[in-house]
Amino acid sequence: MEAVIFDVDGTLVDSERHGHRVAFNLAFEAFGLPYRWDEEEYGRLLRTTGGQRRIEGYLSAKGVGEEERAALAPALHARKTAITTELIDAGVIEPRAGVVRLLGELSQGGCRLAVATTGSRTWVERVLATSLGSFFFEVVVTGDEVTARKPDPEAFAVALERLGLPAHRAVAVEDSAEGLVSAKGAGLACVVVANGYTVDHDLDAAELVLDGFGEPGQPATVLADRVESGCTGIVDMATLTSVWARAR
């Protein structure tokens, strides 16, 4: 195992419920629109990856015409991204429990770190610098650099290309069914660290599924361990290496 490729939103950082959702609602308010996404509705909307695509689909369902959507969706998304940046700077977006520990172990162990996400580069670079700035991500692939969003495998395929690695030399870490399908489509073994929005997704294809990264004394719950990695509730370098070895 030479590299680990991470998703960002909902995986590395706890950003969806109190970050992106809040920013979308504030953007709607700024444009004088009546739309507001509560936590339950936002969970359903997350099945559409990419913020602008999510807005476009939602506006279409609300009966907004194609021409108006074409102008409104990118403007709303730009405003939402600016608001999200403000939330990052205010310290609202934090790493999920166990992420800092895991990244430290991987870095010290000589494992290369990469990101494959459908989030915008402006947002992703800001959150990585602010919340995880002490770690070096050698490759960062965002939604701005791919033509197809997850569950399409393009983001992971591009990350592997930039790392100069075949899929069997890396492991993906994701949080959702869409991300899992994307990673598997690129030929990667995948560990899913689900969150409240994704724990009920179809994650059967994952080598290992937990409801968190876990910390010493506070292990996560192992929901599935298809390759019998031996994980006891803490995702660490040894766990990822075991998954990688057994998935080959």
Protein backbone atom coordinates (compact mmCIF):
# COMPACT_ATOMS: atom_id res chain seq x y z
CA MET A 1 0.00 0.00 0.00
CA GLU A 2 1.65 3.20 -1.18
CA ALA A 3 -1.20 5.72 -0.96
CA VAL A 4 -4.58 6.39 0.61
CA ILE A 5 -7.08 8.47 -1.36
CA PHE A 6 -9.69 10.26 0.73
CA ASP A 7 -13.02 11.84 0.00
CA VAL A 8 -13.48 15.15 1.86
CA ASP A 9 -17.07 16.09 2.69
CA GLY A 10 -18.50 13.78 5.32
CA THR A 11 -15.28 11.73 5.30
CA LEU A 12 -12.31 13.84 6.39
CA VAL A 13 -14.44 16.69 7.75
CA ASP A 14 -17.88 16.86 9.33
CA SER A 15 -19.11 19.40 6.82
CA GLU A 16 -22.53 18.47 5.51
CA ARG A 17 -25.12 18.99 8.25
CA HIS A 18 -23.84 22.23 9.81
CA GLY A 19 -21.63 23.44 6.96
CA HIS A 20 -22.84 22.98 3.41
CA ARG A 21 -26.54 22.70 4.32
CA VAL A 22 -26.42 25.95 6.27
CA ALA A 23 -24.53 27.66 3.43
CA PHE A 24 -27.07 26.55 0.83
CA ASN A 25 -29.90 27.96 2.96
CA LEU A 26 -28.08 31.26 3.46
CA ALA A 27 -27.50 31.48 -0.30
CA PHE A 28 -31.21 30.94 -0.95
CA GLU A 29 -31.99 33.66 1.57
CA ALA A 30 -29.49 36.06 -0.01
CA PHE A 31 -31.22 35.61 -3.38
CA GLY A 32 -34.66 36.18 -1.86
CA LEU A 33 -35.75 32.61 -2.61
CA PRO A 34 -38.20 30.74 -0.35
CA TYR A 35 -36.32 27.43 -0.37
CA ARG A 36 -34.87 25.99 2.85
CA TRP A 37 -33.34 22.53 3.25
CA ASP A 38 -33.89 20.86 6.61
CA GLU A 39 -31.61 18.03 7.73
CA GLU A 40 -33.87 15.25 6.47
CA GLU A 41 -34.37 16.76 3.02
CA TYR A 42 -30.69 17.57 2.71
CA GLY A 43 -29.88 13.94 3.41
CA ARG A 44 -31.99 12.93 0.41
CA LEU A 45 -30.46 15.64 -1.78
CA LEU A 46 -26.95 14.41 -0.98
CA ARG A 47 -27.57 11.45 -3.28
CA THR A 48 -26.87 13.95 -6.07
CA THR A 49 -23.14 14.68 -5.95
CA GLY A 50 -21.76 18.13 -6.69
CA GLY A 51 -23.35 21.26 -5.21
CA GLN A 52 -24.32 22.94 -8.47
CA ARG A 53 -25.85 19.72 -9.82
CA ARG A 54 -27.77 19.41 -6.55
CA ILE A 55 -29.16 22.92 -6.95
CA GLU A 56 -30.04 22.35 -10.61
CA GLY A 57 -31.92 19.15 -9.82
CA TYR A 58 -33.77 20.78 -6.95
CA LEU A 59 -34.78 23.84 -9.01
CA SER A 60 -35.95 21.57 -11.81
CA ALA A 61 -38.14 19.64 -9.35
CA LYS A 62 -39.57 22.98 -8.20
CA GLY A 63 -40.61 23.80 -11.75
CA VAL A 64 -37.96 26.43 -12.49
CA GLY A 65 -37.44 26.67 -16.24
CA GLU A 66 -34.27 25.53 -17.97
CA GLU A 67 -33.10 29.01 -19.00
CA GLU A 68 -33.61 30.41 -15.50
CA ARG A 69 -31.89 27.40 -13.93
CA ALA A 70 -28.90 27.84 -16.23
CA ALA A 71 -28.33 31.33 -14.84
CA LEU A 72 -29.50 30.84 -11.26
CA ALA A 73 -27.76 27.57 -10.32
CA PRO A 74 -24.15 28.73 -10.88
CA ALA A 75 -24.84 32.08 -9.20
CA LEU A 76 -26.36 30.35 -6.17
CA HIS A 77 -23.50 27.90 -6.00
CA ALA A 78 -20.90 30.65 -6.15
CA ARG A 79 -22.61 32.48 -3.30
CA LYS A 80 -22.91 29.26 -1.33
CA THR A 81 -19.19 28.57 -1.80
CA ALA A 82 -18.30 32.04 -0.51
CA ILE A 83 -20.52 31.51 2.53
CA THR A 84 -18.96 28.10 3.18
CA THR A 85 -15.51 29.71 3.13
CA GLU A 86 -16.69 32.10 5.83
CA LEU A 87 -17.91 29.13 7.89
CA ILE A 88 -14.51 27.46 7.51
CA ASP A 89 -12.73 30.59 8.69
CA ALA A 90 -15.12 30.77 11.65
CA GLY A 91 -14.04 27.27 12.72
CA VAL A 92 -17.40 25.61 12.04
CA ILE A 93 -15.93 22.86 9.83
CA GLU A 94 -13.84 20.42 11.85
CA PRO A 95 -12.13 17.10 11.10
CA ARG A 96 -14.09 14.01 12.06
CA ALA A 97 -12.91 12.32 15.22
CA GLY A 98 -9.91 10.11 14.52
CA VAL A 99 -8.93 11.79 11.25
CA VAL A 100 -5.97 13.76 12.63
CA ARG A 101 -4.65 10.64 14.36
CA LEU A 102 -4.96 8.55 11.18
CA LEU A 103 -3.36 11.13 8.89
CA GLY A 104 -0.49 11.45 11.34
CA GLU A 105 0.09 7.70 11.36
CA LEU A 106 -0.02 7.49 7.57
CA SER A 107 2.34 10.42 7.13
CA GLN A 108 4.83 9.09 9.66
CA GLY A 109 4.60 5.67 8.03
CA GLY A 110 5.59 7.07 4.64
CA CYS A 111 2.19 6.57 3.03
CA ARG A 112 1.25 9.12 0.37
CA LEU A 113 -1.96 11.09 0.92
CA ALA A 114 -4.38 12.13 -1.81
CA VAL A 115 -7.89 13.53 -2.20
CA ALA A 116 -10.56 12.67 -4.77
CA THR A 117 -13.72 14.71 -4.30
CA THR A 118 -16.51 16.30 -6.30
CA GLY A 119 -16.32 19.47 -4.18
CA SER A 120 -15.12 22.72 -5.73
CA ARG A 121 -11.38 23.47 -5.58
CA THR A 122 -11.90 26.79 -3.78
CA TRP A 123 -13.74 25.07 -0.95
CA VAL A 124 -11.57 21.96 -0.80
CA GLU A 125 -8.25 23.80 -0.70
CA ARG A 126 -9.56 26.15 1.99
CA VAL A 127 -10.88 23.40 4.24
CA LEU A 128 -7.73 21.30 3.87
CA ALA A 129 -5.53 24.30 4.69
CA THR A 130 -7.67 25.43 7.62
CA SER A 131 -8.73 22.14 9.21
CA LEU A 132 -5.90 19.81 8.15
CA GLY A 133 -3.09 22.19 7.25
CA SER A 134 -0.39 20.23 9.02
CA PHE A 135 -0.70 17.38 6.53
CA PHE A 136 0.58 17.25 2.94
CA PHE A 137 -1.84 15.92 0.35
CA GLU A 138 0.33 15.14 -2.65
CA VAL A 139 -2.61 15.01 -5.06
CA VAL A 140 -5.92 16.85 -4.77
CA VAL A 141 -8.54 16.15 -7.43
CA THR A 142 -11.73 18.23 -7.19
CA GLY A 143 -14.99 18.52 -9.08
CA ASP A 144 -13.55 21.38 -11.12
CA GLU A 145 -11.13 19.00 -12.84
CA VAL A 146 -13.39 16.15 -13.90
CA THR A 147 -16.18 15.91 -16.42
CA ALA A 148 -18.20 13.33 -14.50
CA ARG A 149 -19.08 13.40 -10.81
CA LYS A 150 -19.28 10.48 -8.41
CA PRO A 151 -20.51 7.73 -8.65
CA ASP A 152 -18.48 7.94 -11.86
CA PRO A 153 -14.90 6.71 -11.12
CA GLU A 154 -13.17 9.61 -12.93
CA ALA A 155 -12.06 11.50 -9.80
CA PHE A 156 -10.32 8.43 -8.36
CA ALA A 157 -8.90 7.47 -11.75
CA VAL A 158 -7.37 10.94 -12.15
CA ALA A 159 -5.95 10.79 -8.61
CA LEU A 160 -4.29 7.44 -9.38
CA GLU A 161 -2.91 8.82 -12.64
CA ARG A 162 -1.39 11.83 -10.88
CA LEU A 163 0.07 9.60 -8.18
CA GLY A 164 1.54 7.39 -10.89
CA LEU A 165 0.08 4.30 -9.23
CA PRO A 166 -2.06 1.36 -10.32
CA ALA A 167 -5.23 0.86 -8.30
CA HIS A 168 -3.85 -2.18 -6.48
CA ARG A 169 -1.24 0.01 -4.75
CA ALA A 170 -3.77 2.27 -3.00
CA VAL A 171 -6.86 2.26 -0.80
CA ALA A 172 -9.83 4.64 -0.90
CA VAL A 173 -11.65 5.99 2.16
CA GLU A 174 -15.20 7.17 1.56
CA ASP A 175 -18.43 7.89 3.44
CA SER A 176 -21.25 7.15 0.98
CA ALA A 177 -22.63 4.70 -1.55
CA GLU A 178 -21.87 7.10 -4.39
CA GLY A 179 -18.27 7.42 -3.28
CA LEU A 180 -17.97 3.66 -2.82
CA VAL A 181 -19.22 2.99 -6.35
CA SER A 182 -16.78 5.59 -7.66
CA ALA A 183 -13.82 4.03 -5.84
CA LYS A 184 -14.70 0.47 -6.86
CA GLY A 185 -15.17 1.61 -10.45
CA ALA A 186 -11.57 2.82 -10.40
CA GLY A 187 -10.46 -0.59 -9.13
CA LEU A 188 -9.71 0.47 -5.55
CA ALA A 189 -10.27 -1.35 -2.31
CA CYS A 190 -12.51 0.91 -0.22
CA VAL A 191 -13.08 1.50 3.47
CA VAL A 192 -16.34 3.34 4.18
CA VAL A 193 -16.55 5.46 7.30
CA ALA A 194 -20.25 6.25 7.28
CA ASN A 195 -21.94 9.19 8.97
CA GLY A 196 -25.50 9.96 10.03
CA TYR A 197 -26.52 10.76 6.46
CA THR A 198 -24.99 7.65 4.87
CA VAL A 199 -25.14 4.85 7.41
CA ASP A 200 -28.25 3.41 5.69
CA HIS A 201 -26.71 3.47 2.19
CA ASP A 202 -26.04 0.26 0.29
CA LEU A 203 -22.42 -0.32 1.28
CA ASP A 204 -22.19 -4.05 0.63
CA ALA A 205 -19.36 -3.68 -1.88
CA ALA A 206 -17.00 -2.10 0.66
CA GLU A 207 -14.20 -4.17 2.14
CA LEU A 208 -14.79 -2.57 5.56
CA VAL A 209 -17.59 -0.35 6.91
CA LEU A 210 -17.62 1.54 10.22
CA ASP A 211 -19.68 4.39 11.65
CA GLY A 212 -16.56 6.44 12.45
CA PHE A 213 -12.77 6.36 12.47
CA GLY A 214 -12.65 5.57 16.17
CA GLU A 215 -10.18 6.68 18.80
CA PRO A 216 -8.35 4.77 21.55
CA GLY A 217 -10.90 4.19 24.28
CA GLN A 218 -13.74 5.21 21.94
CA PRO A 219 -13.85 2.68 19.12
CA ALA A 220 -16.31 3.03 16.27
CA THR A 221 -18.80 0.29 15.49
CA VAL A 222 -17.72 -2.12 12.78
CA LEU A 223 -20.79 -2.51 10.56
CA ALA A 224 -19.25 -4.93 8.04
CA ASP A 225 -15.83 -6.50 7.52
CA ARG A 226 -16.07 -8.37 4.23
CA VAL A 227 -12.35 -9.18 4.03
CA GLU A 228 -11.96 -10.07 7.72
CA SER A 229 -9.41 -7.33 8.29
CA GLY A 230 -9.54 -7.81 12.05
CA CYS A 231 -10.52 -4.18 12.66
CA THR A 232 -11.72 -3.65 16.23
CA GLY A 233 -13.23 -0.22 15.71
CA ILE A 234 -10.20 2.01 15.11
CA VAL A 235 -9.20 2.85 11.53
CA ASP A 236 -5.42 3.11 11.61
CA MET A 237 -2.56 2.40 9.23
CA ALA A 238 -2.53 -1.26 10.23
CA THR A 239 -6.25 -1.56 9.46
CA LEU A 240 -5.89 0.02 6.02
CA THR A 241 -2.87 -2.15 5.25
CA SER A 242 -4.80 -5.26 6.26
CA VAL A 243 -7.74 -4.28 4.04
CA TRP A 244 -5.37 -3.58 1.16
CA ALA A 245 -3.57 -6.92 1.53
CA ARG A 246 -6.73 -8.98 1.85
CA ALA A 247 -8.52 -7.24 -1.03
CA ARG A 248 -5.75 -7.92 -3.54
